[in-house]
């Protein structure tokens, strides 16, 4: 089923944009179903991204775009061996190199849909770091699109607070503390503070709370 969806997206058959977007979302959902441990991750990342965008005062259209980016950000994992994604131990350099291909693969798939090149760009750079040690482009600071910086924080936060094959989930307070510790090197401080502000209003408090 998934292979057919990807093939249809990548074909040169005339499809209207709404049909292609529907295929894209269906394919993204099926990719996530390959790994029951991370089920729901992309939906949550989309939600967090939209929330952060709202906290930063970005317009509703951008909030919606970031929600969509979250939904499809990992679609390129269809090209990564399932055994690597579910490996409980430390990845080898070769395995990690394969996993690091997924943003580029996601970009290739998403950019096939008319009108979604801006979403594809956000997805492509969601593993970049402010200090230039991210991937795939080694971009630094403001070279990284704001949408990608938002997606990076949302993705990292959800990964920390949910169960993974290689570790148990962190408490929300510890996850926020880790985001703040890495702000300025890995994460955008303003983006981290946007997520923190939302969690404060939602009633989530901990040692990182100073108010």
C-alpha atoms as a PDB file:
ATOM      1  CA  UNK A   1       0.000   0.000   0.000  1.00  0.00           C
ATOM      2  CA  UNK A   2       2.717   2.448   1.016  1.00  0.00           C
ATOM      3  CA  UNK A   3       4.804   1.664  -2.046  1.00  0.00           C
ATOM      4  CA  UNK A   4       1.791   2.357  -4.267  1.00  0.00           C
ATOM      5  CA  UNK A   5       1.164   5.713  -2.606  1.00  0.00           C
ATOM      6  CA  UNK A   6       4.790   6.777  -2.980  1.00  0.00           C
ATOM      7  CA  UNK A   7       4.811   5.614  -6.601  1.00  0.00           C
ATOM      8  CA  UNK A   8       1.670   7.615  -7.368  1.00  0.00           C
ATOM      9  CA  UNK A   9       3.126  10.703  -5.714  1.00  0.00           C
ATOM     10  CA  UNK A  10       6.322  10.357  -7.729  1.00  0.00           C
ATOM     11  CA  UNK A  11       4.658   9.555 -11.042  1.00  0.00           C
ATOM     12  CA  UNK A  12       4.061  12.039 -13.818  1.00  0.00           C
ATOM     13  CA  UNK A  13       0.355  11.332 -13.973  1.00  0.00           C
ATOM     14  CA  UNK A  14      -1.718  14.510 -13.778  1.00  0.00           C
ATOM     15  CA  UNK A  15      -3.031  14.784 -10.214  1.00  0.00           C
ATOM     16  CA  UNK A  16      -4.597  17.850  -8.685  1.00  0.00           C
ATOM     17  CA  UNK A  17      -2.915  19.376  -5.650  1.00  0.00           C
ATOM     18  CA  UNK A  18      -5.606  18.246  -3.203  1.00  0.00           C
ATOM     19  CA  UNK A  19      -5.235  14.635  -4.373  1.00  0.00           C
ATOM     20  CA  UNK A  20      -1.454  14.788  -4.029  1.00  0.00           C
ATOM     21  CA  UNK A  21      -1.700  16.314  -0.562  1.00  0.00           C
ATOM     22  CA  UNK A  22      -4.119  13.574   0.522  1.00  0.00           C
ATOM     23  CA  UNK A  23      -1.727  10.927  -0.820  1.00  0.00           C
ATOM     24  CA  UNK A  24       1.158  12.584   0.995  1.00  0.00           C
ATOM     25  CA  UNK A  25      -0.651  12.566   4.341  1.00  0.00           C
ATOM     26  CA  UNK A  26      -1.759   8.962   3.846  1.00  0.00           C
ATOM     27  CA  UNK A  27       1.802   7.911   3.042  1.00  0.00           C
ATOM     28  CA  UNK A  28       3.149   9.765   6.091  1.00  0.00           C
ATOM     29  CA  UNK A  29       0.641   7.998   8.335  1.00  0.00           C
ATOM     30  CA  UNK A  30       1.590   4.601   6.915  1.00  0.00           C
ATOM     31  CA  UNK A  31       5.299   5.308   7.382  1.00  0.00           C
ATOM     32  CA  UNK A  32       4.676   6.019  11.042  1.00  0.00           C
ATOM     33  CA  UNK A  33       2.701   2.785  11.399  1.00  0.00           C
ATOM     34  CA  UNK A  34       5.890   0.862  10.552  1.00  0.00           C
ATOM     35  CA  UNK A  35       7.106   1.684  14.068  1.00  0.00           C
ATOM     36  CA  UNK A  36       4.432   1.228  16.771  1.00  0.00           C
ATOM     37  CA  UNK A  37       6.765   2.721  19.401  1.00  0.00           C
ATOM     38  CA  UNK A  38       6.601   6.145  17.752  1.00  0.00           C
ATOM     39  CA  UNK A  39       2.944   6.014  16.712  1.00  0.00           C
ATOM     40  CA  UNK A  40       1.405   9.458  16.956  1.00  0.00           C
ATOM     41  CA  UNK A  41       4.791  11.217  16.908  1.00  0.00           C
ATOM     42  CA  UNK A  42       4.198  13.167  13.709  1.00  0.00           C
ATOM     43  CA  UNK A  43       0.751  14.351  14.794  1.00  0.00           C
ATOM     44  CA  UNK A  44       2.167  15.577  18.095  1.00  0.00           C
ATOM     45  CA  UNK A  45       5.114  17.268  16.396  1.00  0.00           C
ATOM     46  CA  UNK A  46       2.693  19.042  14.071  1.00  0.00           C
ATOM     47  CA  UNK A  47       0.613  20.182  17.028  1.00  0.00           C
ATOM     48  CA  UNK A  48       3.624  21.393  19.011  1.00  0.00           C
ATOM     49  CA  UNK A  49       4.977  23.226  15.968  1.00  0.00           C
ATOM     50  CA  UNK A  50       1.694  25.055  15.431  1.00  0.00           C
ATOM     51  CA  UNK A  51       1.514  25.937  19.141  1.00  0.00           C
ATOM     52  CA  UNK A  52       5.058  27.321  19.151  1.00  0.00           C
ATOM     53  CA  UNK A  53       4.318  29.362  16.022  1.00  0.00           C
ATOM     54  CA  UNK A  54       1.273  30.818  17.759  1.00  0.00           C
ATOM     55  CA  UNK A  55       3.336  31.635  20.858  1.00  0.00           C
ATOM     56  CA  UNK A  56       5.833  33.476  18.645  1.00  0.00           C
ATOM     57  CA  UNK A  57       3.030  35.561  17.144  1.00  0.00           C
ATOM     58  CA  UNK A  58       3.181  34.016  13.687  1.00  0.00           C
ATOM     59  CA  UNK A  59       0.068  34.254  11.539  1.00  0.00           C
ATOM     60  CA  UNK A  60      -2.465  31.389  11.352  1.00  0.00           C
ATOM     61  CA  UNK A  61      -1.374  30.419   7.823  1.00  0.00           C
ATOM     62  CA  UNK A  62       2.147  29.790   9.105  1.00  0.00           C
ATOM     63  CA  UNK A  63       0.786  27.864  12.079  1.00  0.00           C
ATOM     64  CA  UNK A  64      -1.128  25.619   9.665  1.00  0.00           C
ATOM     65  CA  UNK A  65       1.925  25.191   7.449  1.00  0.00           C
ATOM     66  CA  UNK A  66       4.000  24.071  10.418  1.00  0.00           C
ATOM     67  CA  UNK A  67       1.328  21.629  11.506  1.00  0.00           C
ATOM     68  CA  UNK A  68       1.508  20.083   8.036  1.00  0.00           C
ATOM     69  CA  UNK A  69       5.317  20.068   8.137  1.00  0.00           C
ATOM     70  CA  UNK A  70       5.153  18.133  11.390  1.00  0.00           C
ATOM     71  CA  UNK A  71       2.804  15.579   9.895  1.00  0.00           C
ATOM     72  CA  UNK A  72       5.148  14.806   6.988  1.00  0.00           C
ATOM     73  CA  UNK A  73       8.603  15.534   8.430  1.00  0.00           C
ATOM     74  CA  UNK A  74       9.567  11.868   8.782  1.00  0.00           C
ATOM     75  CA  UNK A  75       8.023  10.525   5.572  1.00  0.00           C
ATOM     76  CA  UNK A  76      11.527   9.958   4.181  1.00  0.00           C
ATOM     77  CA  UNK A  77      12.041   7.202   6.745  1.00  0.00           C
ATOM     78  CA  UNK A  78      10.373   4.930   4.200  1.00  0.00           C
ATOM     79  CA  UNK A  79      13.871   4.774   2.701  1.00  0.00           C
ATOM     80  CA  UNK A  80      15.540   3.777   5.981  1.00  0.00           C
ATOM     81  CA  UNK A  81      15.730   0.103   7.026  1.00  0.00           C
ATOM     82  CA  UNK A  82      13.187  -0.592   9.748  1.00  0.00           C
ATOM     83  CA  UNK A  83      15.799  -2.450  11.793  1.00  0.00           C
ATOM     84  CA  UNK A  84      17.828   0.757  12.146  1.00  0.00           C
ATOM     85  CA  UNK A  85      14.810   2.770  13.289  1.00  0.00           C
ATOM     86  CA  UNK A  86      13.922   0.200  15.949  1.00  0.00           C
ATOM     87  CA  UNK A  87      17.415  -0.725  17.111  1.00  0.00           C
ATOM     88  CA  UNK A  88      17.562  -0.556  20.932  1.00  0.00           C
ATOM     89  CA  UNK A  89      21.328  -0.188  21.164  1.00  0.00           C
ATOM     90  CA  UNK A  90      23.874   2.283  19.843  1.00  0.00           C
ATOM     91  CA  UNK A  91      23.813   2.783  16.086  1.00  0.00           C
ATOM     92  CA  UNK A  92      26.950   2.178  14.027  1.00  0.00           C
ATOM     93  CA  UNK A  93      28.316   5.004  11.903  1.00  0.00           C
ATOM     94  CA  UNK A  94      26.893   3.314   8.807  1.00  0.00           C
ATOM     95  CA  UNK A  95      23.446   2.951  10.374  1.00  0.00           C
ATOM     96  CA  UNK A  96      23.450   6.561  11.539  1.00  0.00           C
ATOM     97  CA  UNK A  97      24.449   7.727   8.055  1.00  0.00           C
ATOM     98  CA  UNK A  98      21.434   5.910   6.631  1.00  0.00           C
ATOM     99  CA  UNK A  99      19.070   7.469   9.174  1.00  0.00           C
ATOM    100  CA  UNK A 100      20.490  10.910   8.410  1.00  0.00           C
ATOM    101  CA  UNK A 101      19.325  10.553   4.830  1.00  0.00           C
ATOM    102  CA  UNK A 102      15.664  10.832   5.839  1.00  0.00           C
ATOM    103  CA  UNK A 103      15.323  14.652   5.749  1.00  0.00           C
ATOM    104  CA  UNK A 104      16.551  14.678   2.149  1.00  0.00           C
ATOM    105  CA  UNK A 105      14.246  11.825   1.228  1.00  0.00           C
ATOM    106  CA  UNK A 106      11.349  13.632   2.922  1.00  0.00           C
ATOM    107  CA  UNK A 107      12.183  16.747   0.910  1.00  0.00           C
ATOM    108  CA  UNK A 108      12.145  14.797  -2.352  1.00  0.00           C
ATOM    109  CA  UNK A 109       8.714  13.334  -1.610  1.00  0.00           C
ATOM    110  CA  UNK A 110       7.052  16.485  -0.246  1.00  0.00           C
ATOM    111  CA  UNK A 111       8.432  18.747  -2.979  1.00  0.00           C
ATOM    112  CA  UNK A 112       6.606  16.630  -5.582  1.00  0.00           C
ATOM    113  CA  UNK A 113       3.303  18.132  -4.377  1.00  0.00           C
ATOM    114  CA  UNK A 114       2.493  21.443  -6.103  1.00  0.00           C
ATOM    115  CA  UNK A 115       2.519  24.358  -3.690  1.00  0.00           C
ATOM    116  CA  UNK A 116       4.413  22.545  -0.926  1.00  0.00           C
ATOM    117  CA  UNK A 117       8.002  23.516  -1.730  1.00  0.00           C
ATOM    118  CA  UNK A 118       8.027  25.760   1.371  1.00  0.00           C
ATOM    119  CA  UNK A 119       6.939  22.786   3.498  1.00  0.00           C
ATOM    120  CA  UNK A 120       9.625  20.660   1.846  1.00  0.00           C
ATOM    121  CA  UNK A 121      12.288  23.245   2.771  1.00  0.00           C
ATOM    122  CA  UNK A 122      11.172  23.264   6.410  1.00  0.00           C
ATOM    123  CA  UNK A 123      11.275  19.466   6.518  1.00  0.00           C
ATOM    124  CA  UNK A 124      14.682  19.319   4.836  1.00  0.00           C
ATOM    125  CA  UNK A 125      16.381  21.358   7.559  1.00  0.00           C
ATOM    126  CA  UNK A 126      14.658  20.152  10.735  1.00  0.00           C
ATOM    127  CA  UNK A 127      17.830  18.399  11.953  1.00  0.00           C
ATOM    128  CA  UNK A 128      20.119  21.398  11.508  1.00  0.00           C
ATOM    129  CA  UNK A 129      21.740  22.961  14.598  1.00  0.00           C
ATOM    130  CA  UNK A 130      22.473  26.617  15.278  1.00  0.00           C
ATOM    131  CA  UNK A 131      26.161  25.788  15.757  1.00  0.00           C
ATOM    132  CA  UNK A 132      26.424  24.181  12.315  1.00  0.00           C
ATOM    133  CA  UNK A 133      26.836  20.614  13.575  1.00  0.00           C
ATOM    134  CA  UNK A 134      23.474  19.422  12.276  1.00  0.00           C
ATOM    135  CA  UNK A 135      22.498  17.860   8.976  1.00  0.00           C
ATOM    136  CA  UNK A 136      22.053  17.658   6.027  1.00  0.00           C
ATOM    137  CA  UNK A 137      23.466  21.084   5.193  1.00  0.00           C
ATOM    138  CA  UNK A 138      25.462  22.090   8.277  1.00  0.00           C
ATOM    139  CA  UNK A 139      23.610  25.422   8.301  1.00  0.00           C
ATOM    140  CA  UNK A 140      24.157  27.889  11.144  1.00  0.00           C
ATOM    141  CA  UNK A 141      22.000  30.440  12.957  1.00  0.00           C
ATOM    142  CA  UNK A 142      19.562  32.321  10.775  1.00  0.00           C
ATOM    143  CA  UNK A 143      20.617  30.306   7.735  1.00  0.00           C
ATOM    144  CA  UNK A 144      18.214  27.717   9.126  1.00  0.00           C
ATOM    145  CA  UNK A 145      14.609  28.598   8.236  1.00  0.00           C
ATOM    146  CA  UNK A 146      12.570  29.651  11.263  1.00  0.00           C
ATOM    147  CA  UNK A 147      10.044  26.922  10.474  1.00  0.00           C
ATOM    148  CA  UNK A 148      12.820  24.326  10.633  1.00  0.00           C
ATOM    149  CA  UNK A 149      14.033  25.702  13.969  1.00  0.00           C
ATOM    150  CA  UNK A 150      10.490  25.387  15.313  1.00  0.00           C
ATOM    151  CA  UNK A 151      10.098  21.871  13.943  1.00  0.00           C
ATOM    152  CA  UNK A 152      13.438  20.874  15.465  1.00  0.00           C
ATOM    153  CA  UNK A 153      12.346  21.886  18.974  1.00  0.00           C
ATOM    154  CA  UNK A 154       8.924  20.243  18.594  1.00  0.00           C
ATOM    155  CA  UNK A 155      10.493  17.029  17.264  1.00  0.00           C
ATOM    156  CA  UNK A 156      13.156  16.899  19.980  1.00  0.00           C
ATOM    157  CA  UNK A 157      10.697  17.626  22.785  1.00  0.00           C
ATOM    158  CA  UNK A 158       8.316  14.878  21.718  1.00  0.00           C
ATOM    159  CA  UNK A 159      11.187  12.418  21.319  1.00  0.00           C
ATOM    160  CA  UNK A 160      12.319  13.144  24.877  1.00  0.00           C
ATOM    161  CA  UNK A 161       8.933  12.862  26.598  1.00  0.00           C
ATOM    162  CA  UNK A 162       7.746   9.693  24.843  1.00  0.00           C
ATOM    163  CA  UNK A 163       8.894   6.092  25.109  1.00  0.00           C
ATOM    164  CA  UNK A 164      11.649   4.992  22.730  1.00  0.00           C
ATOM    165  CA  UNK A 165      13.289   1.615  22.187  1.00  0.00           C
ATOM    166  CA  UNK A 166      16.598   2.987  23.473  1.00  0.00           C
ATOM    167  CA  UNK A 167      15.285   4.749  26.640  1.00  0.00           C
ATOM    168  CA  UNK A 168      12.348   5.570  28.861  1.00  0.00           C
ATOM    169  CA  UNK A 169      10.555   8.929  28.530  1.00  0.00           C
ATOM    170  CA  UNK A 170      11.809  11.959  30.429  1.00  0.00           C
ATOM    171  CA  UNK A 171       9.537  14.050  32.643  1.00  0.00           C
ATOM    172  CA  UNK A 172       8.394  17.196  30.849  1.00  0.00           C
ATOM    173  CA  UNK A 173      10.373  19.369  33.279  1.00  0.00           C
ATOM    174  CA  UNK A 174      13.612  17.533  32.440  1.00  0.00           C
ATOM    175  CA  UNK A 175      12.923  17.744  28.712  1.00  0.00           C
ATOM    176  CA  UNK A 176      12.435  21.510  28.893  1.00  0.00           C
ATOM    177  CA  UNK A 177      15.579  21.833  31.003  1.00  0.00           C
ATOM    178  CA  UNK A 178      17.508  19.943  28.313  1.00  0.00           C
ATOM    179  CA  UNK A 179      16.110  22.163  25.556  1.00  0.00           C
ATOM    180  CA  UNK A 180      17.147  25.239  27.527  1.00  0.00           C
ATOM    181  CA  UNK A 181      20.606  23.797  28.218  1.00  0.00           C
ATOM    182  CA  UNK A 182      21.153  23.315  24.493  1.00  0.00           C
ATOM    183  CA  UNK A 183      19.617  26.647  23.440  1.00  0.00           C
ATOM    184  CA  UNK A 184      22.080  28.720  21.443  1.00  0.00           C
ATOM    185  CA  UNK A 185      24.027  25.706  20.219  1.00  0.00           C
ATOM    186  CA  UNK A 186      21.422  23.186  19.051  1.00  0.00           C
ATOM    187  CA  UNK A 187      18.126  25.008  19.544  1.00  0.00           C
ATOM    188  CA  UNK A 188      16.777  28.519  19.015  1.00  0.00           C
ATOM    189  CA  UNK A 189      16.221  30.078  22.460  1.00  0.00           C
ATOM    190  CA  UNK A 190      13.135  32.045  21.386  1.00  0.00           C
ATOM    191  CA  UNK A 191      11.553  28.863  20.041  1.00  0.00           C
ATOM    192  CA  UNK A 192      12.327  26.972  23.254  1.00  0.00           C
ATOM    193  CA  UNK A 193      10.832  29.812  25.285  1.00  0.00           C
ATOM    194  CA  UNK A 194       7.709  29.700  23.129  1.00  0.00           C
ATOM    195  CA  UNK A 195       7.162  26.050  24.003  1.00  0.00           C
ATOM    196  CA  UNK A 196       7.986  26.728  27.661  1.00  0.00           C
ATOM    197  CA  UNK A 197       5.442  29.576  27.810  1.00  0.00           C
ATOM    198  CA  UNK A 198       2.724  27.315  26.453  1.00  0.00           C
ATOM    199  CA  UNK A 199       3.518  24.563  28.951  1.00  0.00           C
ATOM    200  CA  UNK A 200       3.443  27.052  31.807  1.00  0.00           C
ATOM    201  CA  UNK A 201      -0.038  28.176  30.825  1.00  0.00           C
ATOM    202  CA  UNK A 202      -1.082  24.572  30.456  1.00  0.00           C
ATOM    203  CA  UNK A 203      -0.107  24.033  34.092  1.00  0.00           C
ATOM    204  CA  UNK A 204       3.116  22.072  33.594  1.00  0.00           C
ATOM    205  CA  UNK A 205       5.653  23.216  36.167  1.00  0.00           C
ATOM    206  CA  UNK A 206       9.006  22.011  37.371  1.00  0.00           C
ATOM    207  CA  UNK A 207      12.502  23.101  38.436  1.00  0.00           C
ATOM    208  CA  UNK A 208      12.965  24.932  35.120  1.00  0.00           C
ATOM    209  CA  UNK A 209      10.062  27.254  36.040  1.00  0.00           C
ATOM    210  CA  UNK A 210      11.293  30.602  37.385  1.00  0.00           C
ATOM    211  CA  UNK A 211       7.937  32.376  37.692  1.00  0.00           C
END
